[in-house]
Amino acid sequence: MNIGEAAEAAGVSAKMIRHYEQIGLLPAARRTESGYRQYAEHDVSVLRFIRQSRRLGFSMQQISELLGLWSNSRRSSRQVKDLALKHIADLEQKMREMAAMKQDLERLAASCRGDDLPDCTIIEGLASHNPPPPVQQVKGNPAHNKDRTRQPGPKVHAAAAASSSDLLVAWTHQAHAGHVGH
């Protein structure tokens, strides 16, 4: 199949296929006499594997390691699990960092009057070294205060972590079941 057909079958763009070839995640395609790339079904399987890995947030280096493990019939599932668990820990760290960024931005937005005057605590906060302290809610107008101090609780964070872990486990089982021996 040509690059367009392979791209459609794998759910990636032709540009990404060329990129994956260039960085070595996908072996260089064989070429027709006129120089067009030709792909086999195995190449499409590799592209799907890469797409799924990217969807789960694995880095290109991690995907390279996963591809190596996938093609190694002597791999231990421990190696794959260790890589997945490290990725989960990295995702959890990123989630904590993003939650802190969100909280800082919420503080800045809550402290801004949002009127027609040029004074803006968001701009001032971005220009300073420290974000403004948390804003106290003004009593009397609940609609005005809505969602300003709401933060996801521990159950929400636990559910998010569990769901990402469950997705990874399900994907790993699916990938292994459909591609044993590749």
N, C-alpha and C. Protein backbone atom coordinates (compact mmCIF):
# COMPACT_ATOMS: atom_id res chain seq x y z
N MET A 1 0.84 -1.18 0.00
CA MET A 1 0.00 0.00 0.00
C MET A 1 0.88 1.24 0.00
N ASN A 2 0.37 2.33 -0.57
CA ASN A 2 1.15 3.57 -0.62
C ASN A 2 1.03 4.33 0.70
N ILE A 3 1.72 5.44 0.80
CA ILE A 3 1.77 6.18 2.07
C ILE A 3 0.40 6.71 2.48
N GLY A 4 -0.41 7.14 1.52
CA GLY A 4 -1.75 7.63 1.84
C GLY A 4 -2.64 6.53 2.40
N GLU A 5 -2.56 5.36 1.79
CA GLU A 5 -3.35 4.22 2.26
C GLU A 5 -2.88 3.76 3.64
N ALA A 6 -1.58 3.73 3.84
CA ALA A 6 -1.03 3.34 5.14
C ALA A 6 -1.44 4.36 6.21
N ALA A 7 -1.39 5.64 5.85
CA ALA A 7 -1.77 6.69 6.80
C ALA A 7 -3.23 6.53 7.21
N GLU A 8 -4.09 6.31 6.24
CA GLU A 8 -5.52 6.15 6.54
C GLU A 8 -5.76 4.90 7.38
N ALA A 9 -5.12 3.80 7.04
CA ALA A 9 -5.31 2.55 7.77
C ALA A 9 -4.82 2.66 9.22
N ALA A 10 -3.75 3.42 9.43
CA ALA A 10 -3.17 3.53 10.77
C ALA A 10 -3.74 4.69 11.58
N GLY A 11 -4.42 5.61 10.92
CA GLY A 11 -4.97 6.76 11.63
C GLY A 11 -3.95 7.83 11.95
N VAL A 12 -2.95 7.95 11.10
CA VAL A 12 -1.93 9.00 11.25
C VAL A 12 -1.78 9.70 9.91
N SER A 13 -1.07 10.82 9.91
CA SER A 13 -0.87 11.54 8.65
C SER A 13 0.35 11.00 7.91
N ALA A 14 0.38 11.24 6.62
CA ALA A 14 1.55 10.84 5.82
C ALA A 14 2.80 11.56 6.32
N LYS A 15 2.62 12.81 6.75
CA LYS A 15 3.75 13.58 7.28
C LYS A 15 4.33 12.89 8.52
N MET A 16 3.45 12.36 9.39
CA MET A 16 3.94 11.67 10.59
C MET A 16 4.65 10.37 10.22
N ILE A 17 4.17 9.69 9.20
CA ILE A 17 4.85 8.46 8.77
C ILE A 17 6.27 8.79 8.34
N ARG A 18 6.43 9.84 7.54
CA ARG A 18 7.77 10.23 7.10
C ARG A 18 8.64 10.62 8.31
N HIS A 19 8.03 11.32 9.27
CA HIS A 19 8.76 11.72 10.48
C HIS A 19 9.21 10.48 11.27
N TYR A 20 8.31 9.52 11.46
CA TYR A 20 8.67 8.31 12.20
C TYR A 20 9.77 7.53 11.50
N GLU A 21 9.76 7.54 10.17
CA GLU A 21 10.86 6.90 9.43
C GLU A 21 12.16 7.66 9.67
N GLN A 22 12.07 8.98 9.62
CA GLN A 22 13.27 9.81 9.76
C GLN A 22 13.93 9.63 11.12
N ILE A 23 13.14 9.49 12.18
CA ILE A 23 13.72 9.36 13.52
C ILE A 23 13.95 7.90 13.92
N GLY A 24 13.61 6.97 13.04
CA GLY A 24 13.93 5.57 13.27
C GLY A 24 12.89 4.75 14.02
N LEU A 25 11.71 5.30 14.28
CA LEU A 25 10.67 4.49 14.93
C LEU A 25 10.06 3.50 13.95
N LEU A 26 10.01 3.86 12.70
CA LEU A 26 9.48 3.00 11.64
C LEU A 26 10.61 2.75 10.65
N PRO A 27 10.87 1.49 10.32
CA PRO A 27 11.92 1.22 9.34
C PRO A 27 11.60 1.91 8.01
N ALA A 28 12.63 2.29 7.30
CA ALA A 28 12.43 2.93 5.99
C ALA A 28 11.62 2.01 5.09
N ALA A 29 10.65 2.60 4.43
CA ALA A 29 9.77 1.82 3.55
C ALA A 29 10.54 1.39 2.31
N ARG A 30 10.13 0.24 1.79
CA ARG A 30 10.71 -0.13 0.49
C ARG A 30 10.09 0.79 -0.55
N ARG A 31 10.75 0.93 -1.66
CA ARG A 31 10.31 1.88 -2.70
C ARG A 31 9.99 1.16 -4.00
N THR A 32 9.05 1.74 -4.73
CA THR A 32 8.76 1.23 -6.07
C THR A 32 9.85 1.72 -7.00
N GLU A 33 9.84 1.24 -8.23
CA GLU A 33 10.83 1.69 -9.22
C GLU A 33 10.75 3.19 -9.43
N SER A 34 9.57 3.75 -9.27
CA SER A 34 9.42 5.20 -9.46
C SER A 34 9.66 5.98 -8.17
N GLY A 35 10.07 5.30 -7.09
CA GLY A 35 10.46 5.97 -5.86
C GLY A 35 9.37 6.15 -4.82
N TYR A 36 8.18 5.63 -5.09
CA TYR A 36 7.09 5.76 -4.11
C TYR A 36 7.26 4.77 -2.97
N ARG A 37 6.97 5.22 -1.76
CA ARG A 37 7.04 4.35 -0.59
C ARG A 37 5.93 3.29 -0.67
N GLN A 38 6.28 2.09 -0.21
CA GLN A 38 5.32 0.99 -0.14
C GLN A 38 5.36 0.41 1.28
N TYR A 39 4.17 0.18 1.83
CA TYR A 39 4.06 -0.30 3.20
C TYR A 39 3.30 -1.61 3.25
N ALA A 40 3.69 -2.44 4.21
CA ALA A 40 3.02 -3.73 4.45
C ALA A 40 2.10 -3.59 5.66
N GLU A 41 1.30 -4.60 5.88
CA GLU A 41 0.37 -4.59 7.02
C GLU A 41 1.13 -4.47 8.35
N HIS A 42 2.31 -5.08 8.43
CA HIS A 42 3.10 -4.97 9.66
C HIS A 42 3.47 -3.51 9.92
N ASP A 43 3.79 -2.76 8.88
CA ASP A 43 4.12 -1.34 9.05
C ASP A 43 2.92 -0.58 9.63
N VAL A 44 1.74 -0.92 9.16
CA VAL A 44 0.52 -0.28 9.67
C VAL A 44 0.34 -0.64 11.14
N SER A 45 0.63 -1.88 11.52
CA SER A 45 0.55 -2.28 12.93
C SER A 45 1.52 -1.47 13.78
N VAL A 46 2.72 -1.27 13.28
CA VAL A 46 3.71 -0.46 14.00
C VAL A 46 3.21 0.97 14.13
N LEU A 47 2.64 1.52 13.07
CA LEU A 47 2.12 2.89 13.12
C LEU A 47 0.98 3.01 14.13
N ARG A 48 0.12 2.01 14.19
CA ARG A 48 -0.97 2.03 15.18
C ARG A 48 -0.40 1.96 16.60
N PHE A 49 0.62 1.13 16.78
CA PHE A 49 1.28 1.01 18.08
C PHE A 49 1.85 2.37 18.49
N ILE A 50 2.51 3.04 17.57
CA ILE A 50 3.07 4.37 17.85
C ILE A 50 1.95 5.35 18.18
N ARG A 51 0.88 5.33 17.39
CA ARG A 51 -0.25 6.25 17.63
C ARG A 51 -0.84 6.03 19.02
N GLN A 52 -1.06 4.78 19.38
CA GLN A 52 -1.61 4.48 20.71
C GLN A 52 -0.65 4.92 21.81
N SER A 53 0.62 4.70 21.60
CA SER A 53 1.62 5.09 22.60
C SER A 53 1.64 6.61 22.77
N ARG A 54 1.56 7.33 21.66
CA ARG A 54 1.52 8.80 21.72
C ARG A 54 0.26 9.27 22.43
N ARG A 55 -0.86 8.60 22.16
CA ARG A 55 -2.13 8.97 22.79
C ARG A 55 -2.02 8.84 24.31
N LEU A 56 -1.24 7.88 24.77
CA LEU A 56 -1.04 7.70 26.20
C LEU A 56 0.07 8.59 26.75
N GLY A 57 0.67 9.40 25.89
CA GLY A 57 1.64 10.38 26.34
C GLY A 57 3.07 9.89 26.45
N PHE A 58 3.37 8.72 25.92
CA PHE A 58 4.75 8.26 25.95
C PHE A 58 5.61 9.15 25.06
N SER A 59 6.85 9.37 25.49
CA SER A 59 7.80 10.14 24.69
C SER A 59 8.29 9.28 23.53
N MET A 60 8.94 9.91 22.57
CA MET A 60 9.49 9.16 21.44
C MET A 60 10.53 8.15 21.92
N GLN A 61 11.33 8.52 22.92
CA GLN A 61 12.32 7.59 23.47
C GLN A 61 11.62 6.39 24.11
N GLN A 62 10.56 6.65 24.87
CA GLN A 62 9.83 5.55 25.50
C GLN A 62 9.16 4.67 24.44
N ILE A 63 8.64 5.29 23.39
CA ILE A 63 8.02 4.51 22.31
C ILE A 63 9.06 3.63 21.64
N SER A 64 10.25 4.16 21.46
CA SER A 64 11.32 3.35 20.88
C SER A 64 11.60 2.14 21.76
N GLU A 65 11.65 2.36 23.08
CA GLU A 65 11.86 1.24 24.00
C GLU A 65 10.71 0.25 23.92
N LEU A 66 9.48 0.76 23.89
CA LEU A 66 8.31 -0.12 23.80
C LEU A 66 8.31 -0.94 22.51
N LEU A 67 8.67 -0.30 21.41
CA LEU A 67 8.74 -1.03 20.14
C LEU A 67 9.79 -2.14 20.21
N GLY A 68 10.91 -1.83 20.85
CA GLY A 68 11.94 -2.85 21.02
C GLY A 68 11.45 -4.02 21.86
N LEU A 69 10.71 -3.71 22.92
CA LEU A 69 10.15 -4.76 23.76
C LEU A 69 9.07 -5.55 23.01
N TRP A 70 8.26 -4.85 22.23
CA TRP A 70 7.19 -5.50 21.47
C TRP A 70 7.77 -6.52 20.48
N SER A 71 8.87 -6.17 19.85
CA SER A 71 9.45 -7.06 18.85
C SER A 71 10.34 -8.14 19.46
N ASN A 72 10.61 -8.06 20.76
CA ASN A 72 11.47 -9.03 21.44
C ASN A 72 10.61 -10.12 22.08
N SER A 73 10.59 -11.28 21.48
CA SER A 73 9.76 -12.37 22.00
C SER A 73 10.28 -12.89 23.34
N ARG A 74 11.49 -12.53 23.72
CA ARG A 74 12.06 -12.97 25.00
C ARG A 74 11.92 -11.91 26.09
N ARG A 75 11.17 -10.85 25.81
CA ARG A 75 11.00 -9.79 26.80
C ARG A 75 10.29 -10.35 28.03
N SER A 76 10.47 -9.67 29.13
CA SER A 76 9.69 -10.01 30.32
C SER A 76 8.61 -8.95 30.47
N SER A 77 7.46 -9.37 30.94
CA SER A 77 6.39 -8.40 31.13
C SER A 77 6.80 -7.39 32.21
N ARG A 78 7.73 -7.77 33.08
CA ARG A 78 8.22 -6.86 34.11
C ARG A 78 8.85 -5.62 33.48
N GLN A 79 9.60 -5.81 32.40
CA GLN A 79 10.22 -4.67 31.73
C GLN A 79 9.17 -3.69 31.21
N VAL A 80 8.12 -4.24 30.62
CA VAL A 80 7.06 -3.41 30.07
C VAL A 80 6.32 -2.71 31.20
N LYS A 81 6.02 -3.47 32.25
CA LYS A 81 5.30 -2.89 33.38
C LYS A 81 6.12 -1.79 34.04
N ASP A 82 7.42 -2.01 34.22
CA ASP A 82 8.27 -0.99 34.83
C ASP A 82 8.24 0.30 34.02
N LEU A 83 8.30 0.17 32.71
CA LEU A 83 8.25 1.34 31.84
C LEU A 83 6.90 2.05 31.99
N ALA A 84 5.83 1.26 32.04
CA ALA A 84 4.49 1.84 32.19
C ALA A 84 4.34 2.52 33.55
N LEU A 85 4.82 1.89 34.60
CA LEU A 85 4.71 2.49 35.94
C LEU A 85 5.52 3.77 36.05
N LYS A 86 6.68 3.80 35.43
CA LYS A 86 7.47 5.04 35.44
C LYS A 86 6.71 6.13 34.70
N HIS A 87 6.08 5.78 33.60
CA HIS A 87 5.31 6.76 32.84
C HIS A 87 4.13 7.27 33.66
N ILE A 88 3.48 6.38 34.39
CA ILE A 88 2.37 6.80 35.26
C ILE A 88 2.87 7.79 36.31
N ALA A 89 4.02 7.50 36.91
CA ALA A 89 4.59 8.42 37.91
C ALA A 89 4.90 9.77 37.27
N ASP A 90 5.44 9.75 36.05
CA ASP A 90 5.71 11.01 35.34
C ASP A 90 4.42 11.77 35.07
N LEU A 91 3.37 11.05 34.67
CA LEU A 91 2.08 11.70 34.41
C LEU A 91 1.51 12.31 35.69
N GLU A 92 1.63 11.58 36.80
CA GLU A 92 1.14 12.11 38.08
C GLU A 92 1.88 13.38 38.46
N GLN A 93 3.19 13.42 38.23
CA GLN A 93 3.97 14.63 38.52
C GLN A 93 3.50 15.78 37.64
N LYS A 94 3.29 15.51 36.36
CA LYS A 94 2.80 16.55 35.46
C LYS A 94 1.42 17.04 35.88
N MET A 95 0.57 16.11 36.34
CA MET A 95 -0.76 16.50 36.80
C MET A 95 -0.66 17.42 38.02
N ARG A 96 0.26 17.12 38.94
CA ARG A 96 0.45 18.00 40.10
C ARG A 96 0.92 19.38 39.66
N GLU A 97 1.87 19.40 38.71
CA GLU A 97 2.37 20.68 38.21
C GLU A 97 1.26 21.47 37.52
N MET A 98 0.45 20.78 36.73
CA MET A 98 -0.64 21.47 36.04
C MET A 98 -1.70 21.95 37.02
N ALA A 99 -1.97 21.18 38.06
CA ALA A 99 -2.94 21.61 39.08
C ALA A 99 -2.43 22.87 39.77
N ALA A 100 -1.13 22.93 40.05
CA ALA A 100 -0.55 24.13 40.67
C ALA A 100 -0.65 25.32 39.72
N MET A 101 -0.38 25.10 38.43
CA MET A 101 -0.51 26.19 37.44
C MET A 101 -1.95 26.68 37.38
N LYS A 102 -2.88 25.74 37.37
CA LYS A 102 -4.30 26.09 37.31
C LYS A 102 -4.69 26.90 38.54
N GLN A 103 -4.23 26.46 39.69
CA GLN A 103 -4.55 27.18 40.93
C GLN A 103 -3.98 28.60 40.89
N ASP A 104 -2.75 28.76 40.45
CA ASP A 104 -2.16 30.10 40.34
C ASP A 104 -2.96 30.97 39.37
N LEU A 105 -3.33 30.39 38.24
CA LEU A 105 -4.09 31.16 37.25
C LEU A 105 -5.48 31.51 37.78
N GLU A 106 -6.10 30.59 38.50
CA GLU A 106 -7.40 30.89 39.11
C GLU A 106 -7.29 32.03 40.11
N ARG A 107 -6.21 32.04 40.90
CA ARG A 107 -6.00 33.14 41.85
C ARG A 107 -5.85 34.46 41.11
N LEU A 108 -5.06 34.44 40.05
CA LEU A 108 -4.88 35.67 39.27
C LEU A 108 -6.21 36.14 38.68
N ALA A 109 -6.95 35.23 38.10
CA ALA A 109 -8.23 35.60 37.48
C ALA A 109 -9.23 36.09 38.53
N ALA A 110 -9.24 35.45 39.70
CA ALA A 110 -10.17 35.86 40.75
C ALA A 110 -9.83 37.24 41.31
N SER A 111 -8.57 37.61 41.26
CA SER A 111 -8.17 38.91 41.81
C SER A 111 -8.36 40.06 40.82
N CYS A 112 -8.62 39.74 39.57
CA CYS A 112 -8.81 40.77 38.54
C CYS A 112 -10.25 41.26 38.55
N ARG A 113 -10.42 42.58 38.52
CA ARG A 113 -11.77 43.15 38.52
C ARG A 113 -12.48 42.87 37.20
N GLY A 114 -11.75 42.80 36.11
CA GLY A 114 -12.37 42.51 34.82
C GLY A 114 -13.27 43.63 34.33
N ASP A 115 -12.89 44.87 34.63
CA ASP A 115 -13.70 46.01 34.20
C ASP A 115 -13.00 46.76 33.07
N ASP A 116 -13.42 47.97 32.80
CA ASP A 116 -12.86 48.75 31.70
C ASP A 116 -11.61 49.54 32.08
N LEU A 117 -11.17 49.45 33.32
CA LEU A 117 -9.97 50.17 33.76
C LEU A 117 -8.72 49.38 33.35
N PRO A 118 -7.60 50.06 33.17
CA PRO A 118 -6.38 49.37 32.72
C PRO A 118 -5.69 48.56 33.82
N ASP A 119 -5.97 48.86 35.09
CA ASP A 119 -5.32 48.12 36.17
C ASP A 119 -5.76 46.66 36.12
N CYS A 120 -4.78 45.77 36.09
CA CYS A 120 -5.11 44.34 35.97
C CYS A 120 -4.14 43.54 36.83
N THR A 121 -4.68 42.88 37.83
CA THR A 121 -3.82 42.09 38.71
C THR A 121 -3.24 40.86 38.00
N ILE A 122 -3.85 40.44 36.91
CA ILE A 122 -3.28 39.32 36.14
C ILE A 122 -1.96 39.75 35.53
N ILE A 123 -1.97 40.91 34.86
CA ILE A 123 -0.74 41.43 34.26
C ILE A 123 0.30 41.68 35.34
N GLU A 124 -0.12 42.30 36.45
CA GLU A 124 0.81 42.58 37.55
C GLU A 124 1.37 41.28 38.13
N GLY A 125 0.51 40.28 38.28
CA GLY A 125 0.95 38.99 38.81
C GLY A 125 1.93 38.29 37.90
N LEU A 126 1.70 38.39 36.59
CA LEU A 126 2.63 37.77 35.64
C LEU A 126 3.98 38.48 35.63
N ALA A 127 3.96 39.77 35.93
CA ALA A 127 5.20 40.55 35.94
C ALA A 127 5.96 40.40 37.26
N SER A 128 5.30 39.89 38.30
CA SER A 128 5.96 39.76 39.60
C SER A 128 6.56 38.37 39.76
N HIS A 129 7.26 38.21 40.86
CA HIS A 129 7.87 36.90 41.15
C HIS A 129 6.90 35.95 41.83
N ASN A 130 5.88 36.47 42.46
CA ASN A 130 4.93 35.65 43.21
C ASN A 130 3.51 35.95 42.79
N PRO A 131 2.66 34.93 42.69
CA PRO A 131 1.25 35.19 42.39
C PRO A 131 0.58 35.84 43.60
N PRO A 132 -0.53 36.54 43.39
CA PRO A 132 -1.22 37.15 44.51
C PRO A 132 -1.77 36.08 45.45
N PRO A 133 -2.00 36.45 46.71
CA PRO A 133 -2.56 35.47 47.65
C PRO A 133 -3.98 35.10 47.26
N PRO A 134 -4.49 33.99 47.80
CA PRO A 134 -5.86 33.60 47.47
C PRO A 134 -6.85 34.71 47.82
N VAL A 135 -7.87 34.84 47.00
CA VAL A 135 -8.87 35.88 47.19
C VAL A 135 -9.96 35.36 48.10
N GLN A 136 -10.38 36.19 49.04
CA GLN A 136 -11.51 35.86 49.90
C GLN A 136 -12.79 36.11 49.13
N GLN A 137 -13.74 35.22 49.25
CA GLN A 137 -15.00 35.43 48.54
C GLN A 137 -15.78 36.56 49.19
N VAL A 138 -16.44 37.33 48.35
CA VAL A 138 -17.29 38.41 48.82
C VAL A 138 -18.65 37.83 49.11
N LYS A 139 -19.17 38.12 50.30
CA LYS A 139 -20.49 37.59 50.67
C LYS A 139 -21.57 38.42 50.00
N GLY A 140 -22.70 37.77 49.76
CA GLY A 140 -23.85 38.51 49.29
C GLY A 140 -24.26 38.20 47.87
N ASN A 141 -23.35 37.85 46.98
CA ASN A 141 -23.71 37.56 45.60
C ASN A 141 -23.11 36.23 45.18
N PRO A 142 -23.81 35.12 45.45
CA PRO A 142 -23.24 33.80 45.14
C PRO A 142 -22.91 33.61 43.68
N ALA A 143 -23.67 34.22 42.78
CA ALA A 143 -23.39 34.07 41.34
C ALA A 143 -22.05 34.69 41.00
N HIS A 144 -21.70 35.80 41.68
CA HIS A 144 -20.44 36.47 41.42
C HIS A 144 -19.25 35.62 41.87
N ASN A 145 -19.46 34.81 42.91
CA ASN A 145 -18.38 34.02 43.48
C ASN A 145 -18.31 32.60 42.91
N LYS A 146 -19.25 32.24 42.09
CA LYS A 146 -19.36 30.88 41.59
C LYS A 146 -18.05 30.40 40.95
N ASP A 147 -17.63 29.22 41.35
CA ASP A 147 -16.47 28.52 40.79
C ASP A 147 -15.13 29.21 41.03
N ARG A 148 -15.06 30.24 41.83
CA ARG A 148 -13.78 30.92 42.02
C ARG A 148 -12.85 30.17 42.95
N THR A 149 -13.39 29.47 43.90
CA THR A 149 -12.53 28.77 44.85
C THR A 149 -12.67 27.26 44.76
N ARG A 150 -13.44 26.77 43.84
CA ARG A 150 -13.61 25.32 43.70
C ARG A 150 -12.32 24.68 43.23
N GLN A 151 -11.94 23.63 43.90
CA GLN A 151 -10.78 22.84 43.49
C GLN A 151 -11.21 21.39 43.46
N PRO A 152 -10.71 20.62 42.52
CA PRO A 152 -11.04 19.20 42.52
C PRO A 152 -10.54 18.55 43.80
N GLY A 153 -11.34 17.71 44.37
CA GLY A 153 -10.96 17.04 45.61
C GLY A 153 -10.12 15.82 45.35
N PRO A 154 -9.69 15.15 46.43
CA PRO A 154 -8.84 13.97 46.28
C PRO A 154 -9.50 12.86 45.46
N LYS A 155 -10.84 12.74 45.56
CA LYS A 155 -11.52 11.69 44.79
C LYS A 155 -11.38 11.93 43.30
N VAL A 156 -11.46 13.18 42.87
CA VAL A 156 -11.33 13.50 41.45
C VAL A 156 -9.92 13.17 40.97
N HIS A 157 -8.91 13.56 41.76
CA HIS A 157 -7.53 13.26 41.38
C HIS A 157 -7.28 11.76 41.36
N ALA A 158 -7.84 11.04 42.34
CA ALA A 158 -7.66 9.59 42.38
C ALA A 158 -8.34 8.93 41.18
N ALA A 159 -9.53 9.42 40.82
CA ALA A 159 -10.25 8.86 39.67
C ALA A 159 -9.47 9.11 38.39
N ALA A 160 -8.90 10.30 38.25
CA ALA A 160 -8.12 10.61 37.05
C ALA A 160 -6.90 9.71 36.96
N ALA A 161 -6.21 9.51 38.09
CA ALA A 161 -5.03 8.65 38.09
C ALA A 161 -5.43 7.21 37.80
N ALA A 162 -6.54 6.76 38.41
CA ALA A 162 -6.98 5.39 38.18
C ALA A 162 -7.38 5.19 36.74
N SER A 163 -8.09 6.15 36.16
CA SER A 163 -8.54 5.96 34.78
C SER A 163 -7.36 5.94 33.82
N SER A 164 -6.32 6.75 34.06
CA SER A 164 -5.17 6.70 33.16
C SER A 164 -4.43 5.38 33.32
N SER A 165 -4.37 4.88 34.53
CA SER A 165 -3.73 3.59 34.77
C SER A 165 -4.52 2.47 34.11
N ASP A 166 -5.86 2.52 34.25
CA ASP A 166 -6.71 1.50 33.64
C ASP A 166 -6.59 1.51 32.13
N LEU A 167 -6.53 2.71 31.53
CA LEU A 167 -6.37 2.82 30.08
C LEU A 167 -5.06 2.17 29.62
N LEU A 168 -3.99 2.43 30.36
CA LEU A 168 -2.70 1.88 29.99
C LEU A 168 -2.71 0.36 30.07
N VAL A 169 -3.28 -0.18 31.14
CA VAL A 169 -3.33 -1.64 31.30
C VAL A 169 -4.16 -2.26 30.18
N ALA A 170 -5.33 -1.67 29.89
CA ALA A 170 -6.19 -2.21 28.83
C ALA A 170 -5.50 -2.16 27.48
N TRP A 171 -4.83 -1.05 27.21
CA TRP A 171 -4.14 -0.91 25.93
C TRP A 171 -3.02 -1.92 25.82
N THR A 172 -2.27 -2.12 26.90
CA THR A 172 -1.16 -3.07 26.88
C THR A 172 -1.67 -4.48 26.61
N HIS A 173 -2.78 -4.86 27.26
CA HIS A 173 -3.35 -6.18 27.01
C HIS A 173 -3.82 -6.30 25.57
N GLN A 174 -4.47 -5.27 25.06
CA GLN A 174 -4.98 -5.29 23.68
C GLN A 174 -3.82 -5.38 22.69
N ALA A 175 -2.79 -4.57 22.91
CA ALA A 175 -1.65 -4.57 21.99
C ALA A 175 -0.96 -5.93 22.00
N HIS A 176 -0.81 -6.51 23.20
CA HIS A 176 -0.14 -7.80 23.30
C HIS A 176 -0.98 -8.90 22.66
N ALA A 177 -2.27 -8.89 22.89
CA ALA A 177 -3.15 -9.94 22.35
C ALA A 177 -3.19 -9.90 20.83
N GLY A 178 -3.17 -8.71 20.26
CA GLY A 178 -3.28 -8.60 18.80
C GLY A 178 -1.96 -8.69 18.07
N HIS A 179 -0.86 -8.63 18.79
CA HIS A 179 0.43 -8.54 18.09
C HIS A 179 1.48 -9.47 18.64
N VAL A 180 1.09 -10.59 19.20
CA VAL A 180 2.06 -11.54 19.73
C VAL A 180 2.89 -12.08 18.57
N GLY A 181 4.20 -12.08 18.77
CA GLY A 181 5.09 -12.64 17.77
C GLY A 181 5.61 -11.64 16.77
N HIS A 182 5.25 -10.38 16.88
CA HIS A 182 5.77 -9.37 15.93
C HIS A 182 7.13 -8.91 16.35
